[in-house]
Amino acid sequence: MVLMSPKISAGNNTVLKYTYTRNKIPNTEDSSYVEEIYIELDSKNIETNLKDAQLANVKVVFARLCFCKGQTGYYKVTNGELSIKKNIY
């Protein structure tokens, strides 16, 4: 299911955003390719380890932004694994 782009606003939760950008192909129009993952977590409990149906407990959105007919857009993530551990230095 394709979603609208996420709206991030002030609140009590933490939003993590990961962006992958592929290098553009020289001398080629529309060669940009970007993937983004947005994860909204409870700020009091950042560490998490979720799989498949458990992903419904947090908001996880995947975005593919490219000149890719029928594949560009924002998608709710419902399958996979999410493991986040807080590093303390």
PDB file of N, CA and C in Angstrom:
ATOM      1  N   MET A   1       0.837  -1.164   0.000  1.00  0.00           N
ATOM      2  CA  MET A   1       0.000   0.000   0.000  1.00  0.00           C
ATOM      3  C   MET A   1       0.892   1.241   0.000  1.00  0.00           C
ATOM      4  N   VAL A   2       0.671   2.129  -0.929  1.00  0.00           N
ATOM      5  CA  VAL A   2       1.436   3.372  -1.021  1.00  0.00           C
ATOM      6  C   VAL A   2       0.808   4.407  -0.085  1.00  0.00           C
ATOM      7  N   LEU A   3       1.649   5.058   0.709  1.00  0.00           N
ATOM      8  CA  LEU A   3       1.203   6.070   1.660  1.00  0.00           C
ATOM      9  C   LEU A   3       1.616   7.455   1.195  1.00  0.00           C
ATOM     10  N   MET A   4       1.044   8.456   1.812  1.00  0.00           N
ATOM     11  CA  MET A   4       1.509   9.822   1.605  1.00  0.00           C
ATOM     12  C   MET A   4       2.825   9.978   2.357  1.00  0.00           C
ATOM     13  N   SER A   5       3.577  10.993   2.040  1.00  0.00           N
ATOM     14  CA  SER A   5       4.856  11.213   2.720  1.00  0.00           C
ATOM     15  C   SER A   5       4.615  11.498   4.203  1.00  0.00           C
ATOM     16  N   PRO A   6       5.538  11.047   5.062  1.00  0.00           N
ATOM     17  CA  PRO A   6       5.349  11.238   6.497  1.00  0.00           C
ATOM     18  C   PRO A   6       5.393  12.716   6.890  1.00  0.00           C
ATOM     19  N   LYS A   7       4.623  13.058   7.907  1.00  0.00           N
ATOM     20  CA  LYS A   7       4.643  14.408   8.462  1.00  0.00           C
ATOM     21  C   LYS A   7       5.246  14.313   9.853  1.00  0.00           C
ATOM     22  N   ILE A   8       6.354  14.985  10.047  1.00  0.00           N
ATOM     23  CA  ILE A   8       7.041  14.952  11.333  1.00  0.00           C
ATOM     24  C   ILE A   8       6.765  16.257  12.058  1.00  0.00           C
ATOM     25  N   SER A   9       6.288  16.137  13.295  1.00  0.00           N
ATOM     26  CA  SER A   9       5.975  17.326  14.084  1.00  0.00           C
ATOM     27  C   SER A   9       6.483  17.135  15.506  1.00  0.00           C
ATOM     28  N   ALA A  10       6.516  18.207  16.258  1.00  0.00           N
ATOM     29  CA  ALA A  10       6.990  18.154  17.637  1.00  0.00           C
ATOM     30  C   ALA A  10       6.108  17.226  18.457  1.00  0.00           C
ATOM     31  N   GLY A  11       6.740  16.480  19.350  1.00  0.00           N
ATOM     32  CA  GLY A  11       5.989  15.555  20.193  1.00  0.00           C
ATOM     33  C   GLY A  11       6.916  14.866  21.172  1.00  0.00           C
ATOM     34  N   ASN A  12       6.411  13.828  21.824  1.00  0.00           N
ATOM     35  CA  ASN A  12       7.172  13.109  22.839  1.00  0.00           C
ATOM     36  C   ASN A  12       7.937  11.914  22.292  1.00  0.00           C
ATOM     37  N   ASN A  13       7.699  11.518  21.059  1.00  0.00           N
ATOM     38  CA  ASN A  13       8.364  10.372  20.473  1.00  0.00           C
ATOM     39  C   ASN A  13       9.647  10.771  19.745  1.00  0.00           C
ATOM     40  N   THR A  14      10.465   9.769  19.439  1.00  0.00           N
ATOM     41  CA  THR A  14      11.702   9.967  18.693  1.00  0.00           C
ATOM     42  C   THR A  14      11.511   9.402  17.299  1.00  0.00           C
ATOM     43  N   VAL A  15      11.946  10.143  16.290  1.00  0.00           N
ATOM     44  CA  VAL A  15      11.873   9.660  14.907  1.00  0.00           C
ATOM     45  C   VAL A  15      13.295   9.460  14.399  1.00  0.00           C
ATOM     46  N   LEU A  16      13.574   8.236  13.964  1.00  0.00           N
ATOM     47  CA  LEU A  16      14.851   7.924  13.342  1.00  0.00           C
ATOM     48  C   LEU A  16      14.650   7.926  11.837  1.00  0.00           C
ATOM     49  N   LYS A  17      15.600   8.508  11.119  1.00  0.00           N
ATOM     50  CA  LYS A  17      15.519   8.533   9.663  1.00  0.00           C
ATOM     51  C   LYS A  17      16.856   8.051   9.113  1.00  0.00           C
ATOM     52  N   TYR A  18      16.801   7.047   8.255  1.00  0.00           N
ATOM     53  CA  TYR A  18      17.987   6.528   7.584  1.00  0.00           C
ATOM     54  C   TYR A  18      17.813   6.791   6.098  1.00  0.00           C
ATOM     55  N   THR A  19      18.830   7.350   5.457  1.00  0.00           N
ATOM     56  CA  THR A  19      18.762   7.655   4.020  1.00  0.00           C
ATOM     57  C   THR A  19      19.905   6.983   3.286  1.00  0.00           C
ATOM     58  N   TYR A  20      19.559   6.277   2.203  1.00  0.00           N
ATOM     59  CA  TYR A  20      20.543   5.711   1.286  1.00  0.00           C
ATOM     60  C   TYR A  20      20.399   6.459  -0.035  1.00  0.00           C
ATOM     61  N   THR A  21      21.507   6.998  -0.540  1.00  0.00           N
ATOM     62  CA  THR A  21      21.498   7.702  -1.819  1.00  0.00           C
ATOM     63  C   THR A  21      22.528   7.067  -2.740  1.00  0.00           C
ATOM     64  N   ARG A  22      22.057   6.584  -3.872  1.00  0.00           N
ATOM     65  CA  ARG A  22      22.972   6.012  -4.863  1.00  0.00           C
ATOM     66  C   ARG A  22      23.568   7.154  -5.681  1.00  0.00           C
ATOM     67  N   ASN A  23      24.825   7.013  -6.033  1.00  0.00           N
ATOM     68  CA  ASN A  23      25.471   8.024  -6.867  1.00  0.00           C
ATOM     69  C   ASN A  23      24.760   8.125  -8.208  1.00  0.00           C
ATOM     70  N   LYS A  24      24.572   9.356  -8.666  1.00  0.00           N
ATOM     71  CA  LYS A  24      23.949   9.566  -9.974  1.00  0.00           C
ATOM     72  C   LYS A  24      24.870   9.055 -11.074  1.00  0.00           C
ATOM     73  N   ILE A  25      24.259   8.608 -12.148  1.00  0.00           N
ATOM     74  CA  ILE A  25      25.022   8.152 -13.313  1.00  0.00           C
ATOM     75  C   ILE A  25      25.359   9.379 -14.145  1.00  0.00           C
ATOM     76  N   PRO A  26      26.643   9.631 -14.390  1.00  0.00           N
ATOM     77  CA  PRO A  26      27.034  10.829 -15.148  1.00  0.00           C
ATOM     78  C   PRO A  26      26.355  10.897 -16.518  1.00  0.00           C
ATOM     79  N   ASN A  27      25.969  12.103 -16.902  1.00  0.00           N
ATOM     80  CA  ASN A  27      25.365  12.366 -18.209  1.00  0.00           C
ATOM     81  C   ASN A  27      24.068  11.596 -18.447  1.00  0.00           C
ATOM     82  N   THR A  28      23.347  11.280 -17.367  1.00  0.00           N
ATOM     83  CA  THR A  28      22.093  10.538 -17.494  1.00  0.00           C
ATOM     84  C   THR A  28      20.996  11.267 -16.724  1.00  0.00           C
ATOM     85  N   GLU A  29      19.940  11.645 -17.423  1.00  0.00           N
ATOM     86  CA  GLU A  29      18.803  12.310 -16.775  1.00  0.00           C
ATOM     87  C   GLU A  29      18.055  11.310 -15.900  1.00  0.00           C
ATOM     88  N   ASP A  30      17.461  11.805 -14.842  1.00  0.00           N
ATOM     89  CA  ASP A  30      16.614  11.006 -13.955  1.00  0.00           C
ATOM     90  C   ASP A  30      17.323   9.776 -13.394  1.00  0.00           C
ATOM     91  N   SER A  31      18.613   9.886 -13.105  1.00  0.00           N
ATOM     92  CA  SER A  31      19.347   8.728 -12.605  1.00  0.00           C
ATOM     93  C   SER A  31      19.447   8.707 -11.080  1.00  0.00           C
ATOM     94  N   SER A  32      18.828   9.678 -10.411  1.00  0.00           N
ATOM     95  CA  SER A  32      18.918   9.704  -8.952  1.00  0.00           C
ATOM     96  C   SER A  32      18.070   8.577  -8.359  1.00  0.00           C
ATOM     97  N   TYR A  33      18.540   8.053  -7.224  1.00  0.00           N
ATOM     98  CA  TYR A  33      17.837   6.973  -6.536  1.00  0.00           C
ATOM     99  C   TYR A  33      18.070   7.141  -5.044  1.00  0.00           C
ATOM    100  N   VAL A  34      16.986   7.237  -4.275  1.00  0.00           N
ATOM    101  CA  VAL A  34      17.075   7.423  -2.829  1.00  0.00           C
ATOM    102  C   VAL A  34      16.093   6.473  -2.146  1.00  0.00           C
ATOM    103  N   GLU A  35      16.550   5.853  -1.055  1.00  0.00           N
ATOM    104  CA  GLU A  35      15.677   5.071  -0.188  1.00  0.00           C
ATOM    105  C   GLU A  35      15.750   5.675   1.198  1.00  0.00           C
ATOM    106  N   GLU A  36      14.611   5.780   1.873  1.00  0.00           N
ATOM    107  CA  GLU A  36      14.561   6.318   3.227  1.00  0.00           C
ATOM    108  C   GLU A  36      13.730   5.393   4.103  1.00  0.00           C
ATOM    109  N   ILE A  37      14.117   5.298   5.365  1.00  0.00           N
ATOM    110  CA  ILE A  37      13.348   4.548   6.350  1.00  0.00           C
ATOM    111  C   ILE A  37      13.077   5.484   7.520  1.00  0.00           C
ATOM    112  N   TYR A  38      11.814   5.612   7.901  1.00  0.00           N
ATOM    113  CA  TYR A  38      11.405   6.407   9.050  1.00  0.00           C
ATOM    114  C   TYR A  38      10.885   5.453  10.114  1.00  0.00           C
ATOM    115  N   ILE A  39      11.366   5.626  11.355  1.00  0.00           N
ATOM    116  CA  ILE A  39      10.937   4.784  12.463  1.00  0.00           C
ATOM    117  C   ILE A  39      10.553   5.697  13.619  1.00  0.00           C
ATOM    118  N   GLU A  40       9.317   5.587  14.094  1.00  0.00           N
ATOM    119  CA  GLU A  40       8.871   6.375  15.248  1.00  0.00           C
ATOM    120  C   GLU A  40       8.841   5.481  16.477  1.00  0.00           C
ATOM    121  N   LEU A  41       9.570   5.906  17.514  1.00  0.00           N
ATOM    122  CA  LEU A  41       9.695   5.122  18.738  1.00  0.00           C
ATOM    123  C   LEU A  41       9.334   5.961  19.960  1.00  0.00           C
ATOM    124  N   ASP A  42       8.952   5.272  21.021  1.00  0.00           N
ATOM    125  CA  ASP A  42       8.726   5.919  22.306  1.00  0.00           C
ATOM    126  C   ASP A  42      10.076   6.393  22.838  1.00  0.00           C
ATOM    127  N   SER A  43      10.214   7.661  23.146  1.00  0.00           N
ATOM    128  CA  SER A  43      11.488   8.227  23.603  1.00  0.00           C
ATOM    129  C   SER A  43      11.982   7.592  24.896  1.00  0.00           C
ATOM    130  N   LYS A  44      11.078   7.054  25.693  1.00  0.00           N
ATOM    131  CA  LYS A  44      11.465   6.427  26.960  1.00  0.00           C
ATOM    132  C   LYS A  44      11.981   5.010  26.769  1.00  0.00           C
ATOM    133  N   ASN A  45      11.737   4.426  25.585  1.00  0.00           N
ATOM    134  CA  ASN A  45      12.143   3.047  25.338  1.00  0.00           C
ATOM    135  C   ASN A  45      12.639   2.919  23.898  1.00  0.00           C
ATOM    136  N   ILE A  46      13.841   3.433  23.650  1.00  0.00           N
ATOM    137  CA  ILE A  46      14.400   3.423  22.291  1.00  0.00           C
ATOM    138  C   ILE A  46      14.789   2.006  21.858  1.00  0.00           C
ATOM    139  N   GLU A  47      15.333   1.230  22.796  1.00  0.00           N
ATOM    140  CA  GLU A  47      15.783  -0.113  22.433  1.00  0.00           C
ATOM    141  C   GLU A  47      14.587  -0.992  22.110  1.00  0.00           C
ATOM    142  N   THR A  48      14.699  -1.728  21.015  1.00  0.00           N
ATOM    143  CA  THR A  48      13.601  -2.579  20.589  1.00  0.00           C
ATOM    144  C   THR A  48      14.126  -3.723  19.737  1.00  0.00           C
ATOM    145  N   ASN A  49      13.377  -4.790  19.690  1.00  0.00           N
ATOM    146  CA  ASN A  49      13.693  -5.945  18.868  1.00  0.00           C
ATOM    147  C   ASN A  49      12.359  -6.530  18.409  1.00  0.00           C
ATOM    148  N   LEU A  50      11.961  -6.222  17.182  1.00  0.00           N
ATOM    149  CA  LEU A  50      10.647  -6.604  16.671  1.00  0.00           C
ATOM    150  C   LEU A  50      10.774  -7.407  15.384  1.00  0.00           C
ATOM    151  N   LYS A  51       9.777  -8.236  15.134  1.00  0.00           N
ATOM    152  CA  LYS A  51       9.773  -9.038  13.910  1.00  0.00           C
ATOM    153  C   LYS A  51       8.345  -9.161  13.377  1.00  0.00           C
ATOM    154  N   ASP A  52       8.201  -8.978  12.068  1.00  0.00           N
ATOM    155  CA  ASP A  52       6.959  -9.149  11.322  1.00  0.00           C
ATOM    156  C   ASP A  52       5.761  -8.462  11.985  1.00  0.00           C
ATOM    157  N   ALA A  53       4.778  -9.192  12.492  1.00  0.00           N
ATOM    158  CA  ALA A  53       3.549  -8.596  13.023  1.00  0.00           C
ATOM    159  C   ALA A  53       3.824  -7.632  14.169  1.00  0.00           C
ATOM    160  N   GLN A  54       4.928  -7.818  14.898  1.00  0.00           N
ATOM    161  CA  GLN A  54       5.270  -6.924  16.002  1.00  0.00           C
ATOM    162  C   GLN A  54       5.605  -5.518  15.508  1.00  0.00           C
ATOM    163  N   LEU A  55       5.936  -5.365  14.232  1.00  0.00           N
ATOM    164  CA  LEU A  55       6.253  -4.045  13.676  1.00  0.00           C
ATOM    165  C   LEU A  55       5.060  -3.100  13.759  1.00  0.00           C
ATOM    166  N   ALA A  56       3.867  -3.656  13.953  1.00  0.00           N
ATOM    167  CA  ALA A  56       2.677  -2.818  14.108  1.00  0.00           C
ATOM    168  C   ALA A  56       2.737  -2.011  15.402  1.00  0.00           C
ATOM    169  N   ASN A  57       3.626  -2.410  16.334  1.00  0.00           N
ATOM    170  CA  ASN A  57       3.769  -1.696  17.612  1.00  0.00           C
ATOM    171  C   ASN A  57       4.493  -0.362  17.461  1.00  0.00           C
ATOM    172  N   VAL A  58       5.204  -0.171  16.357  1.00  0.00           N
ATOM    173  CA  VAL A  58       5.884   1.092  16.070  1.00  0.00           C
ATOM    174  C   VAL A  58       5.523   1.496  14.644  1.00  0.00           C
ATOM    175  N   LYS A  59       5.762   2.741  14.319  1.00  0.00           N
ATOM    176  CA  LYS A  59       5.505   3.195  12.945  1.00  0.00           C
ATOM    177  C   LYS A  59       6.802   3.091  12.164  1.00  0.00           C
ATOM    178  N   VAL A  60       6.807   2.260  11.119  1.00  0.00           N
ATOM    179  CA  VAL A  60       7.968   2.098  10.254  1.00  0.00           C
ATOM    180  C   VAL A  60       7.499   2.322   8.816  1.00  0.00           C
ATOM    181  N   VAL A  61       8.145   3.287   8.136  1.00  0.00           N
ATOM    182  CA  VAL A  61       7.783   3.620   6.762  1.00  0.00           C
ATOM    183  C   VAL A  61       9.032   3.550   5.894  1.00  0.00           C
ATOM    184  N   PHE A  62       8.906   2.904   4.731  1.00  0.00           N
ATOM    185  CA  PHE A  62       9.983   2.808   3.745  1.00  0.00           C
ATOM    186  C   PHE A  62       9.606   3.670   2.546  1.00  0.00           C
ATOM    187  N   ALA A  63      10.571   4.454   2.050  1.00  0.00           N
ATOM    188  CA  ALA A  63      10.329   5.296   0.881  1.00  0.00           C
ATOM    189  C   ALA A  63      11.331   4.976  -0.212  1.00  0.00           C
ATOM    190  N   ARG A  64      10.854   4.866  -1.431  1.00  0.00           N
ATOM    191  CA  ARG A  64      11.727   4.737  -2.610  1.00  0.00           C
ATOM    192  C   ARG A  64      11.433   5.948  -3.478  1.00  0.00           C
ATOM    193  N   LEU A  65      12.453   6.767  -3.700  1.00  0.00           N
ATOM    194  CA  LEU A  65      12.293   8.009  -4.456  1.00  0.00           C
ATOM    195  C   LEU A  65      13.204   7.948  -5.673  1.00  0.00           C
ATOM    196  N   CYS A  66      12.615   7.700  -6.815  1.00  0.00           N
ATOM    197  CA  CYS A  66      13.409   7.552  -8.033  1.00  0.00           C
ATOM    198  C   CYS A  66      12.495   7.688  -9.253  1.00  0.00           C
ATOM    199  N   PHE A  67      13.094   7.610 -10.414  1.00  0.00           N
ATOM    200  CA  PHE A  67      12.337   7.566 -11.657  1.00  0.00           C
ATOM    201  C   PHE A  67      12.124   6.089 -11.985  1.00  0.00           C
ATOM    202  N   CYS A  68      11.331   5.433 -11.129  1.00  0.00           N
ATOM    203  CA  CYS A  68      11.080   3.991 -11.220  1.00  0.00           C
ATOM    204  C   CYS A  68       9.567   3.807 -11.360  1.00  0.00           C
ATOM    205  N   LYS A  69       9.103   3.641 -12.554  1.00  0.00           N
ATOM    206  CA  LYS A  69       7.666   3.560 -12.813  1.00  0.00           C
ATOM    207  C   LYS A  69       7.008   2.480 -11.949  1.00  0.00           C
ATOM    208  N   GLY A  70       6.021   2.897 -11.164  1.00  0.00           N
ATOM    209  CA  GLY A  70       5.257   1.967 -10.341  1.00  0.00           C
ATOM    210  C   GLY A  70       5.926   1.560  -9.041  1.00  0.00           C
ATOM    211  N   GLN A  71       7.117   2.085  -8.749  1.00  0.00           N
ATOM    212  CA  GLN A  71       7.820   1.680  -7.528  1.00  0.00           C
ATOM    213  C   GLN A  71       8.120   2.847  -6.596  1.00  0.00           C
ATOM    214  N   THR A  72       7.907   4.060  -7.039  1.00  0.00           N
ATOM    215  CA  THR A  72       8.189   5.232  -6.217  1.00  0.00           C
ATOM    216  C   THR A  72       7.055   5.450  -5.227  1.00  0.00           C
ATOM    217  N   GLY A  73       7.424   5.796  -3.991  1.00  0.00           N
ATOM    218  CA  GLY A  73       6.411   6.123  -3.000  1.00  0.00           C
ATOM    219  C   GLY A  73       6.834   5.734  -1.606  1.00  0.00           C
ATOM    220  N   TYR A  74       5.895   5.894  -0.678  1.00  0.00           N
ATOM    221  CA  TYR A  74       6.096   5.581   0.733  1.00  0.00           C
ATOM    222  C   TYR A  74       5.243   4.367   1.074  1.00  0.00           C
ATOM    223  N   TYR A  75       5.834   3.417   1.785  1.00  0.00           N
ATOM    224  CA  TYR A  75       5.161   2.160   2.086  1.00  0.00           C
ATOM    225  C   TYR A  75       5.281   1.836   3.571  1.00  0.00           C
ATOM    226  N   LYS A  76       4.196   1.374   4.185  1.00  0.00           N
ATOM    227  CA  LYS A  76       4.236   0.926   5.571  1.00  0.00           C
ATOM    228  C   LYS A  76       4.955  -0.424   5.609  1.00  0.00           C
ATOM    229  N   VAL A  77       5.882  -0.575   6.549  1.00  0.00           N
ATOM    230  CA  VAL A  77       6.643  -1.821   6.677  1.00  0.00           C
ATOM    231  C   VAL A  77       5.889  -2.762   7.611  1.00  0.00           C
ATOM    232  N   THR A  78       5.566  -3.972   7.112  1.00  0.00           N
ATOM    233  CA  THR A  78       4.830  -4.950   7.906  1.00  0.00           C
ATOM    234  C   THR A  78       5.573  -6.280   8.029  1.00  0.00           C
ATOM    235  N   ASN A  79       6.616  -6.474   7.237  1.00  0.00           N
ATOM    236  CA  ASN A  79       7.409  -7.702   7.305  1.00  0.00           C
ATOM    237  C   ASN A  79       8.870  -7.346   7.487  1.00  0.00           C
ATOM    238  N   GLY A  80       9.580  -8.136   8.269  1.00  0.00           N
ATOM    239  CA  GLY A  80      11.008  -7.917   8.459  1.00  0.00           C
ATOM    240  C   GLY A  80      11.369  -7.910   9.934  1.00  0.00           C
ATOM    241  N   GLU A  81      12.591  -7.485  10.201  1.00  0.00           N
ATOM    242  CA  GLU A  81      13.087  -7.430  11.570  1.00  0.00           C
ATOM    243  C   GLU A  81      13.639  -6.038  11.859  1.00  0.00           C
ATOM    244  N   LEU A  82      13.378  -5.557  13.065  1.00  0.00           N
ATOM    245  CA  LEU A  82      13.889  -4.253  13.507  1.00  0.00           C
ATOM    246  C   LEU A  82      14.533  -4.456  14.870  1.00  0.00           C
ATOM    247  N   SER A  83      15.822  -4.163  14.928  1.00  0.00           N
ATOM    248  CA  SER A  83      16.554  -4.284  16.181  1.00  0.00           C
ATOM    249  C   SER A  83      17.328  -2.993  16.407  1.00  0.00           C
ATOM    250  N   ILE A  84      17.036  -2.324  17.520  1.00  0.00           N
ATOM    251  CA  ILE A  84      17.702  -1.061  17.842  1.00  0.00           C
ATOM    252  C   ILE A  84      18.249  -1.170  19.257  1.00  0.00           C
ATOM    253  N   LYS A  85      19.529  -0.858  19.385  1.00  0.00           N
ATOM    254  CA  LYS A  85      20.178  -0.870  20.677  1.00  0.00           C
ATOM    255  C   LYS A  85      20.879   0.464  20.875  1.00  0.00           C
ATOM    256  N   LYS A  86      20.705   1.053  22.024  1.00  0.00           N
ATOM    257  CA  LYS A  86      21.292   2.343  22.340  1.00  0.00           C
ATOM    258  C   LYS A  86      22.754   2.134  22.746  1.00  0.00           C
ATOM    259  N   ASN A  87      23.663   2.829  22.054  1.00  0.00           N
ATOM    260  CA  ASN A  87      25.083   2.766  22.387  1.00  0.00           C
ATOM    261  C   ASN A  87      25.413   3.879  23.371  1.00  0.00           C
ATOM    262  N   ILE A  88      26.131   3.542  24.408  1.00  0.00           N
ATOM    263  CA  ILE A  88      26.551   4.538  25.395  1.00  0.00           C
ATOM    264  C   ILE A  88      28.069   4.579  25.384  1.00  0.00           C
ATOM    265  N   TYR A  89      28.619   5.754  25.159  1.00  0.00           N
ATOM    266  CA  TYR A  89      30.081   5.912  25.114  1.00  0.00           C
ATOM    267  C   TYR A  89      30.575   6.560  26.364  1.00  0.00           C
TER     268      TYR A  89
END
